[in-house]
Amino acid sequence: MSDTPSPTRFAVYLVPNAEDAFYQLGSSALGYDMRAGRRVPQLPELRPEWVAKAGQYGFHLTVTEAFECDPASFAAIEKEIVALCACFSPHSLLRLSNGRMEVWDEGTVIVRRFDPNEALLVLHALLTARLAPFVTGSSFERMVQENPHKYPAPHERARLKLFHTPRGLDSWTPHFTLVEPYTGPDAGALAEDLEARFEPYPTLELDQVTLLSQKGEAPFEFVRDFRIGLR
């Protein structure tokens, strides 16, 4: 009897360029540079076990969740993203403002949270909807199979049915995860330390989104960037 093949996943994220100081700082928080596909020295106030979950994704802001797909569909996924990005007006930018640290999930997660501009919110909604046909499975659907009482709200169930995720759209919370899972004594104090490091970056402007892939439980790998608007 053969083993079950490891699932292939795709995700669309905001990932600053490799030379960007904000990206380098975030990668050092996780101890992993996703664009280079290598480990990097970690910030001294953090520990590898505190980024065990966050680190495999690399430093990013989720635009669409990581979904399972047929590996053969990547060319079609890329084509769809290109078509969507071409619909934005010339010189459109994806802006993030009001950067701040937030502590989530009873102190186990620390994120750098931002507010999106209109272009980014529209792109998030379009990608969520247009890439859904390529999804063959999601962790959220498995959660509901294991616990039928999870995500009980009608709008969450409607999203799961259409988009394979209960998250996003008008309740989207754009963020870069810096710590997960935190098991130390004081998440608030650590968040303050991280705020001091990230304070120079209250706003961000990007002109691209990034497609990534994952095989099994390996770290996510860079596939390609997509420019927004026809320039």
C-alpha atoms as a PDB file:
ATOM      1  CA  MET A   1       0.000   0.000   0.000  1.00  0.00           C
ATOM      2  CA  SER A   2       1.524   3.325  -1.098  1.00  0.00           C
ATOM      3  CA  ASP A   3       1.849   6.334   1.156  1.00  0.00           C
ATOM      4  CA  THR A   4      -0.506   9.270   0.656  1.00  0.00           C
ATOM      5  CA  PRO A   5       1.274  11.912  -1.475  1.00  0.00           C
ATOM      6  CA  SER A   6       2.283  15.081   0.336  1.00  0.00           C
ATOM      7  CA  PRO A   7      -0.105  17.911  -0.533  1.00  0.00           C
ATOM      8  CA  THR A   8       0.986  20.833  -2.670  1.00  0.00           C
ATOM      9  CA  ARG A   9      -0.153  24.291  -1.576  1.00  0.00           C
ATOM     10  CA  PHE A  10      -0.178  27.745  -3.117  1.00  0.00           C
ATOM     11  CA  ALA A  11      -0.489  31.101  -1.415  1.00  0.00           C
ATOM     12  CA  VAL A  12      -0.493  34.725  -2.545  1.00  0.00           C
ATOM     13  CA  TYR A  13       1.294  37.028  -0.137  1.00  0.00           C
ATOM     14  CA  LEU A  14       2.706  40.518   0.122  1.00  0.00           C
ATOM     15  CA  VAL A  15       6.468  40.042   0.399  1.00  0.00           C
ATOM     16  CA  PRO A  16       8.725  43.110   0.284  1.00  0.00           C
ATOM     17  CA  ASN A  17      11.780  42.948  -1.960  1.00  0.00           C
ATOM     18  CA  ALA A  18      14.877  41.179  -0.650  1.00  0.00           C
ATOM     19  CA  GLU A  19      16.860  44.418  -0.259  1.00  0.00           C
ATOM     20  CA  ASP A  20      14.053  46.141   1.671  1.00  0.00           C
ATOM     21  CA  ALA A  21      15.076  46.972   5.260  1.00  0.00           C
ATOM     22  CA  PHE A  22      11.623  46.092   6.611  1.00  0.00           C
ATOM     23  CA  TYR A  23      11.805  42.682   4.928  1.00  0.00           C
ATOM     24  CA  GLN A  24      15.283  42.028   6.290  1.00  0.00           C
ATOM     25  CA  LEU A  25      14.163  42.955   9.803  1.00  0.00           C
ATOM     26  CA  GLY A  26      11.110  40.712   9.585  1.00  0.00           C
ATOM     27  CA  SER A  27      13.165  37.829   8.220  1.00  0.00           C
ATOM     28  CA  SER A  28      15.588  38.188  11.131  1.00  0.00           C
ATOM     29  CA  ALA A  29      12.643  37.965  13.527  1.00  0.00           C
ATOM     30  CA  LEU A  30      11.737  34.595  12.017  1.00  0.00           C
ATOM     31  CA  GLY A  31      15.318  33.480  11.411  1.00  0.00           C
ATOM     32  CA  TYR A  32      14.427  32.584   7.824  1.00  0.00           C
ATOM     33  CA  ASP A  33      14.726  34.470   4.526  1.00  0.00           C
ATOM     34  CA  MET A  34      12.005  33.056   2.292  1.00  0.00           C
ATOM     35  CA  ARG A  35      13.185  34.830  -0.870  1.00  0.00           C
ATOM     36  CA  ALA A  36      16.678  33.386  -0.476  1.00  0.00           C
ATOM     37  CA  GLY A  37      15.434  30.074   0.900  1.00  0.00           C
ATOM     38  CA  ARG A  38      17.912  30.073   3.775  1.00  0.00           C
ATOM     39  CA  ARG A  39      18.220  30.521   7.510  1.00  0.00           C
ATOM     40  CA  VAL A  40      19.459  33.891   8.807  1.00  0.00           C
ATOM     41  CA  PRO A  41      20.587  35.043  12.282  1.00  0.00           C
ATOM     42  CA  GLN A  42      17.581  35.598  14.530  1.00  0.00           C
ATOM     43  CA  LEU A  43      16.885  38.679  16.642  1.00  0.00           C
ATOM     44  CA  PRO A  44      18.403  38.147  20.114  1.00  0.00           C
ATOM     45  CA  GLU A  45      15.117  38.675  21.954  1.00  0.00           C
ATOM     46  CA  LEU A  46      13.472  35.796  20.091  1.00  0.00           C
ATOM     47  CA  ARG A  47      13.935  32.024  20.169  1.00  0.00           C
ATOM     48  CA  PRO A  48      13.544  29.429  17.399  1.00  0.00           C
ATOM     49  CA  GLU A  49      10.750  27.644  19.265  1.00  0.00           C
ATOM     50  CA  TRP A  50       8.752  30.899  19.398  1.00  0.00           C
ATOM     51  CA  VAL A  51       8.590  31.067  15.604  1.00  0.00           C
ATOM     52  CA  ALA A  52       8.234  27.339  14.892  1.00  0.00           C
ATOM     53  CA  LYS A  53       4.884  27.820  13.154  1.00  0.00           C
ATOM     54  CA  ALA A  54       5.368  31.296  11.697  1.00  0.00           C
ATOM     55  CA  GLY A  55       8.857  30.615  10.374  1.00  0.00           C
ATOM     56  CA  GLN A  56       7.899  28.050   7.738  1.00  0.00           C
ATOM     57  CA  TYR A  57       5.909  30.688   5.830  1.00  0.00           C
ATOM     58  CA  GLY A  58       8.655  33.304   5.731  1.00  0.00           C
ATOM     59  CA  PHE A  59       8.054  36.994   6.410  1.00  0.00           C
ATOM     60  CA  HIS A  60       4.839  37.909   4.623  1.00  0.00           C
ATOM     61  CA  LEU A  61       1.373  39.410   4.776  1.00  0.00           C
ATOM     62  CA  THR A  62      -1.341  36.965   3.725  1.00  0.00           C
ATOM     63  CA  VAL A  63      -3.474  38.074   0.774  1.00  0.00           C
ATOM     64  CA  THR A  64      -4.935  34.610   0.163  1.00  0.00           C
ATOM     65  CA  GLU A  65      -4.628  31.694   2.547  1.00  0.00           C
ATOM     66  CA  ALA A  66      -2.352  28.734   1.842  1.00  0.00           C
ATOM     67  CA  PHE A  67      -4.586  26.304  -0.060  1.00  0.00           C
ATOM     68  CA  GLU A  68      -4.026  22.800  -1.386  1.00  0.00           C
ATOM     69  CA  CYS A  69      -4.078  22.417  -5.154  1.00  0.00           C
ATOM     70  CA  ASP A  70      -3.177  20.148  -8.033  1.00  0.00           C
ATOM     71  CA  PRO A  71       0.521  20.800  -8.814  1.00  0.00           C
ATOM     72  CA  ALA A  72      -0.395  20.904 -12.502  1.00  0.00           C
ATOM     73  CA  SER A  73      -2.612  23.954 -11.901  1.00  0.00           C
ATOM     74  CA  PHE A  74       0.203  26.390 -11.102  1.00  0.00           C
ATOM     75  CA  ALA A  75       0.445  27.676 -14.680  1.00  0.00           C
ATOM     76  CA  ALA A  76      -3.288  28.450 -14.679  1.00  0.00           C
ATOM     77  CA  ILE A  77      -3.031  30.083 -11.244  1.00  0.00           C
ATOM     78  CA  GLU A  78      -0.228  32.321 -12.502  1.00  0.00           C
ATOM     79  CA  LYS A  79      -2.260  33.235 -15.588  1.00  0.00           C
ATOM     80  CA  GLU A  80      -5.232  34.224 -13.414  1.00  0.00           C
ATOM     81  CA  ILE A  81      -3.090  36.419 -11.159  1.00  0.00           C
ATOM     82  CA  VAL A  82      -1.542  38.147 -14.179  1.00  0.00           C
ATOM     83  CA  ALA A  83      -5.009  38.854 -15.591  1.00  0.00           C
ATOM     84  CA  LEU A  84      -6.262  40.288 -12.291  1.00  0.00           C
ATOM     85  CA  CYS A  85      -3.218  42.495 -11.753  1.00  0.00           C
ATOM     86  CA  ALA A  86      -3.615  43.895 -15.276  1.00  0.00           C
ATOM     87  CA  CYS A  87      -7.077  45.206 -14.360  1.00  0.00           C
ATOM     88  CA  PHE A  88      -5.662  47.783 -11.943  1.00  0.00           C
ATOM     89  CA  SER A  89      -5.044  51.298 -13.179  1.00  0.00           C
ATOM     90  CA  PRO A  90      -1.506  52.384 -14.044  1.00  0.00           C
ATOM     91  CA  HIS A  91       0.582  53.413 -11.053  1.00  0.00           C
ATOM     92  CA  SER A  92      -1.711  51.646  -8.566  1.00  0.00           C
ATOM     93  CA  LEU A  93       0.038  50.880  -5.298  1.00  0.00           C
ATOM     94  CA  LEU A  94      -0.761  48.552  -2.441  1.00  0.00           C
ATOM     95  CA  ARG A  95      -0.494  50.699   0.687  1.00  0.00           C
ATOM     96  CA  LEU A  96      -0.426  49.661   4.318  1.00  0.00           C
ATOM     97  CA  SER A  97      -0.750  52.230   7.086  1.00  0.00           C
ATOM     98  CA  ASN A  98      -1.024  52.547  10.874  1.00  0.00           C
ATOM     99  CA  GLY A  99       1.490  49.798  11.625  1.00  0.00           C
ATOM    100  CA  ARG A 100       1.252  48.544  15.200  1.00  0.00           C
ATOM    101  CA  MET A 101       1.972  45.457  17.279  1.00  0.00           C
ATOM    102  CA  GLU A 102      -0.926  43.293  18.413  1.00  0.00           C
ATOM    103  CA  VAL A 103      -0.980  40.251  20.683  1.00  0.00           C
ATOM    104  CA  TRP A 104      -3.478  37.557  19.677  1.00  0.00           C
ATOM    105  CA  ASP A 105      -4.724  34.148  20.760  1.00  0.00           C
ATOM    106  CA  GLU A 106      -4.239  34.533  24.504  1.00  0.00           C
ATOM    107  CA  GLY A 107      -0.677  35.748  24.166  1.00  0.00           C
ATOM    108  CA  THR A 108       0.613  33.032  21.833  1.00  0.00           C
ATOM    109  CA  VAL A 109       0.815  35.148  18.655  1.00  0.00           C
ATOM    110  CA  ILE A 110       2.417  38.554  18.036  1.00  0.00           C
ATOM    111  CA  VAL A 111       1.791  40.335  14.736  1.00  0.00           C
ATOM    112  CA  ARG A 112       2.606  43.597  13.000  1.00  0.00           C
ATOM    113  CA  ARG A 113      -0.870  44.756  12.015  1.00  0.00           C
ATOM    114  CA  PHE A 114      -1.684  47.273   9.249  1.00  0.00           C
ATOM    115  CA  ASP A 115      -4.692  48.907   7.621  1.00  0.00           C
ATOM    116  CA  PRO A 116      -5.042  48.299   3.840  1.00  0.00           C
ATOM    117  CA  ASN A 117      -5.827  50.876   1.186  1.00  0.00           C
ATOM    118  CA  GLU A 118      -8.685  50.408  -1.265  1.00  0.00           C
ATOM    119  CA  ALA A 119      -6.545  48.829  -3.994  1.00  0.00           C
ATOM    120  CA  LEU A 120      -5.201  46.167  -1.643  1.00  0.00           C
ATOM    121  CA  LEU A 121      -8.631  45.362  -0.223  1.00  0.00           C
ATOM    122  CA  VAL A 122     -10.058  45.001  -3.738  1.00  0.00           C
ATOM    123  CA  LEU A 123      -7.155  42.788  -4.817  1.00  0.00           C
ATOM    124  CA  HIS A 124      -7.591  40.590  -1.743  1.00  0.00           C
ATOM    125  CA  ALA A 125     -11.280  40.071  -2.528  1.00  0.00           C
ATOM    126  CA  LEU A 126     -10.651  39.368  -6.222  1.00  0.00           C
ATOM    127  CA  LEU A 127      -7.880  36.857  -5.566  1.00  0.00           C
ATOM    128  CA  THR A 128      -9.918  35.121  -2.873  1.00  0.00           C
ATOM    129  CA  ALA A 129     -12.807  34.644  -5.299  1.00  0.00           C
ATOM    130  CA  ARG A 130     -10.996  34.007  -8.575  1.00  0.00           C
ATOM    131  CA  LEU A 131      -8.473  31.497  -7.214  1.00  0.00           C
ATOM    132  CA  ALA A 132     -11.063  29.469  -5.287  1.00  0.00           C
ATOM    133  CA  PRO A 133     -11.737  27.109  -8.253  1.00  0.00           C
ATOM    134  CA  PHE A 134      -8.118  25.910  -8.060  1.00  0.00           C
ATOM    135  CA  VAL A 135      -8.429  24.892  -4.392  1.00  0.00           C
ATOM    136  CA  THR A 136      -8.661  21.162  -3.679  1.00  0.00           C
ATOM    137  CA  GLY A 137      -8.633  21.409   0.112  1.00  0.00           C
ATOM    138  CA  SER A 138      -7.883  23.655   3.071  1.00  0.00           C
ATOM    139  CA  SER A 139      -6.923  23.370   6.717  1.00  0.00           C
ATOM    140  CA  PHE A 140     -10.130  25.200   7.647  1.00  0.00           C
ATOM    141  CA  GLU A 141     -12.299  22.568   5.997  1.00  0.00           C
ATOM    142  CA  ARG A 142     -10.462  19.846   7.891  1.00  0.00           C
ATOM    143  CA  MET A 143     -10.987  21.730  11.151  1.00  0.00           C
ATOM    144  CA  VAL A 144     -14.737  21.732  10.536  1.00  0.00           C
ATOM    145  CA  GLN A 145     -14.696  18.040   9.636  1.00  0.00           C
ATOM    146  CA  GLU A 146     -12.971  17.298  12.941  1.00  0.00           C
ATOM    147  CA  ASN A 147     -15.135  19.725  14.926  1.00  0.00           C
ATOM    148  CA  PRO A 148     -18.522  20.467  13.286  1.00  0.00           C
ATOM    149  CA  HIS A 149     -19.101  23.298  15.773  1.00  0.00           C
ATOM    150  CA  LYS A 150     -16.110  25.322  14.586  1.00  0.00           C
ATOM    151  CA  TYR A 151     -16.788  28.486  12.574  1.00  0.00           C
ATOM    152  CA  PRO A 152     -20.555  28.337  13.215  1.00  0.00           C
ATOM    153  CA  ALA A 153     -21.516  31.849  12.066  1.00  0.00           C
ATOM    154  CA  PRO A 154     -23.601  31.856   8.864  1.00  0.00           C
ATOM    155  CA  HIS A 155     -21.179  34.164   7.055  1.00  0.00           C
ATOM    156  CA  GLU A 156     -18.241  31.909   8.011  1.00  0.00           C
ATOM    157  CA  ARG A 157     -20.008  28.844   6.646  1.00  0.00           C
ATOM    158  CA  ALA A 158     -20.922  30.739   3.467  1.00  0.00           C
ATOM    159  CA  ARG A 159     -17.283  31.723   2.981  1.00  0.00           C
ATOM    160  CA  LEU A 160     -16.123  28.151   3.583  1.00  0.00           C
ATOM    161  CA  LYS A 161     -18.534  26.915   0.938  1.00  0.00           C
ATOM    162  CA  LEU A 162     -17.427  29.422  -1.698  1.00  0.00           C
ATOM    163  CA  PHE A 163     -13.819  30.217  -0.796  1.00  0.00           C
ATOM    164  CA  HIS A 164     -12.594  27.333   1.448  1.00  0.00           C
ATOM    165  CA  THR A 165     -11.828  29.771   4.284  1.00  0.00           C
ATOM    166  CA  PRO A 166     -13.965  31.524   6.927  1.00  0.00           C
ATOM    167  CA  ARG A 167     -11.611  34.511   6.970  1.00  0.00           C
ATOM    168  CA  GLY A 168     -11.106  37.632   4.913  1.00  0.00           C
ATOM    169  CA  LEU A 169     -13.242  40.033   2.883  1.00  0.00           C
ATOM    170  CA  ASP A 170     -14.757  42.740   5.108  1.00  0.00           C
ATOM    171  CA  SER A 171     -13.238  41.177   8.253  1.00  0.00           C
ATOM    172  CA  TRP A 172      -9.737  40.835   6.795  1.00  0.00           C
ATOM    173  CA  THR A 173      -6.956  41.773   9.237  1.00  0.00           C
ATOM    174  CA  PRO A 174      -3.746  42.332   7.218  1.00  0.00           C
ATOM    175  CA  HIS A 175      -0.672  41.482   9.277  1.00  0.00           C
ATOM    176  CA  PHE A 176       2.851  40.100   9.321  1.00  0.00           C
ATOM    177  CA  THR A 177       3.184  37.330  11.912  1.00  0.00           C
ATOM    178  CA  LEU A 178       6.371  37.731  13.946  1.00  0.00           C
ATOM    179  CA  VAL A 179       5.891  35.220  16.769  1.00  0.00           C
ATOM    180  CA  GLU A 180       3.910  31.969  16.841  1.00  0.00           C
ATOM    181  CA  PRO A 181       3.729  30.117  19.182  1.00  0.00           C
ATOM    182  CA  TYR A 182       4.955  32.273  22.067  1.00  0.00           C
ATOM    183  CA  THR A 183       5.527  30.280  25.246  1.00  0.00           C
ATOM    184  CA  GLY A 184       7.478  32.869  27.213  1.00  0.00           C
ATOM    185  CA  PRO A 185       6.413  34.721  30.361  1.00  0.00           C
ATOM    186  CA  ASP A 186       5.277  38.111  29.007  1.00  0.00           C
ATOM    187  CA  ALA A 187       3.908  38.548  25.482  1.00  0.00           C
ATOM    188  CA  GLY A 188       3.126  42.205  26.129  1.00  0.00           C
ATOM    189  CA  ALA A 189       6.713  43.027  27.033  1.00  0.00           C
ATOM    190  CA  LEU A 190       8.026  41.195  23.974  1.00  0.00           C
ATOM    191  CA  ALA A 191       5.547  43.066  21.776  1.00  0.00           C
ATOM    192  CA  GLU A 192       6.878  46.351  23.185  1.00  0.00           C
ATOM    193  CA  ASP A 193      10.452  45.305  22.399  1.00  0.00           C
ATOM    194  CA  LEU A 194       9.452  44.413  18.851  1.00  0.00           C
ATOM    195  CA  GLU A 195       7.534  47.682  18.488  1.00  0.00           C
ATOM    196  CA  ALA A 196      10.748  49.571  19.191  1.00  0.00           C
ATOM    197  CA  ARG A 197      12.444  47.712  16.342  1.00  0.00           C
ATOM    198  CA  PHE A 198       9.587  48.050  13.845  1.00  0.00           C
ATOM    199  CA  GLU A 199       8.538  51.613  14.748  1.00  0.00           C
ATOM    200  CA  PRO A 200      10.497  53.119  11.798  1.00  0.00           C
ATOM    201  CA  TYR A 201       8.070  51.352   9.426  1.00  0.00           C
ATOM    202  CA  PRO A 202       4.548  52.664  10.151  1.00  0.00           C
ATOM    203  CA  THR A 203       3.570  52.601   6.467  1.00  0.00           C
ATOM    204  CA  LEU A 204       4.457  50.436   3.483  1.00  0.00           C
ATOM    205  CA  GLU A 205       3.956  50.761  -0.272  1.00  0.00           C
ATOM    206  CA  LEU A 206       4.286  47.792  -2.618  1.00  0.00           C
ATOM    207  CA  ASP A 207       3.600  47.402  -6.326  1.00  0.00           C
ATOM    208  CA  GLN A 208       3.472  43.602  -6.455  1.00  0.00           C
ATOM    209  CA  VAL A 209       2.126  40.424  -4.916  1.00  0.00           C
ATOM    210  CA  THR A 210       4.023  37.157  -4.622  1.00  0.00           C
ATOM    211  CA  LEU A 211       3.034  33.571  -5.387  1.00  0.00           C
ATOM    212  CA  LEU A 212       4.530  30.868  -3.182  1.00  0.00           C
ATOM    213  CA  SER A 213       4.345  27.088  -3.122  1.00  0.00           C
ATOM    214  CA  GLN A 214       4.739  24.433  -0.448  1.00  0.00           C
ATOM    215  CA  LYS A 215       5.299  20.700  -0.738  1.00  0.00           C
ATOM    216  CA  GLY A 216       4.178  18.778   2.329  1.00  0.00           C
ATOM    217  CA  GLU A 217       5.499  20.426   5.492  1.00  0.00           C
ATOM    218  CA  ALA A 218       8.608  21.957   3.899  1.00  0.00           C
ATOM    219  CA  PRO A 219       9.071  25.744   4.144  1.00  0.00           C
ATOM    220  CA  PHE A 220       7.227  27.803   1.552  1.00  0.00           C
ATOM    221  CA  GLU A 221       9.211  28.610  -1.579  1.00  0.00           C
ATOM    222  CA  PHE A 222       9.158  31.685  -3.795  1.00  0.00           C
ATOM    223  CA  VAL A 223       7.564  31.164  -7.229  1.00  0.00           C
ATOM    224  CA  ARG A 224       7.313  34.658  -8.750  1.00  0.00           C
ATOM    225  CA  ASP A 225       6.222  38.264  -8.241  1.00  0.00           C
ATOM    226  CA  PHE A 226       3.351  39.947 -10.109  1.00  0.00           C
ATOM    227  CA  ARG A 227       3.304  43.693 -10.734  1.00  0.00           C
ATOM    228  CA  ILE A 228       0.064  45.570 -10.095  1.00  0.00           C
ATOM    229  CA  GLY A 229      -1.278  47.583 -13.026  1.00  0.00           C
ATOM    230  CA  LEU A 230       0.194  47.916 -16.502  1.00  0.00           C
ATOM    231  CA  ARG A 231       3.361  49.999 -16.330  1.00  0.00           C
END
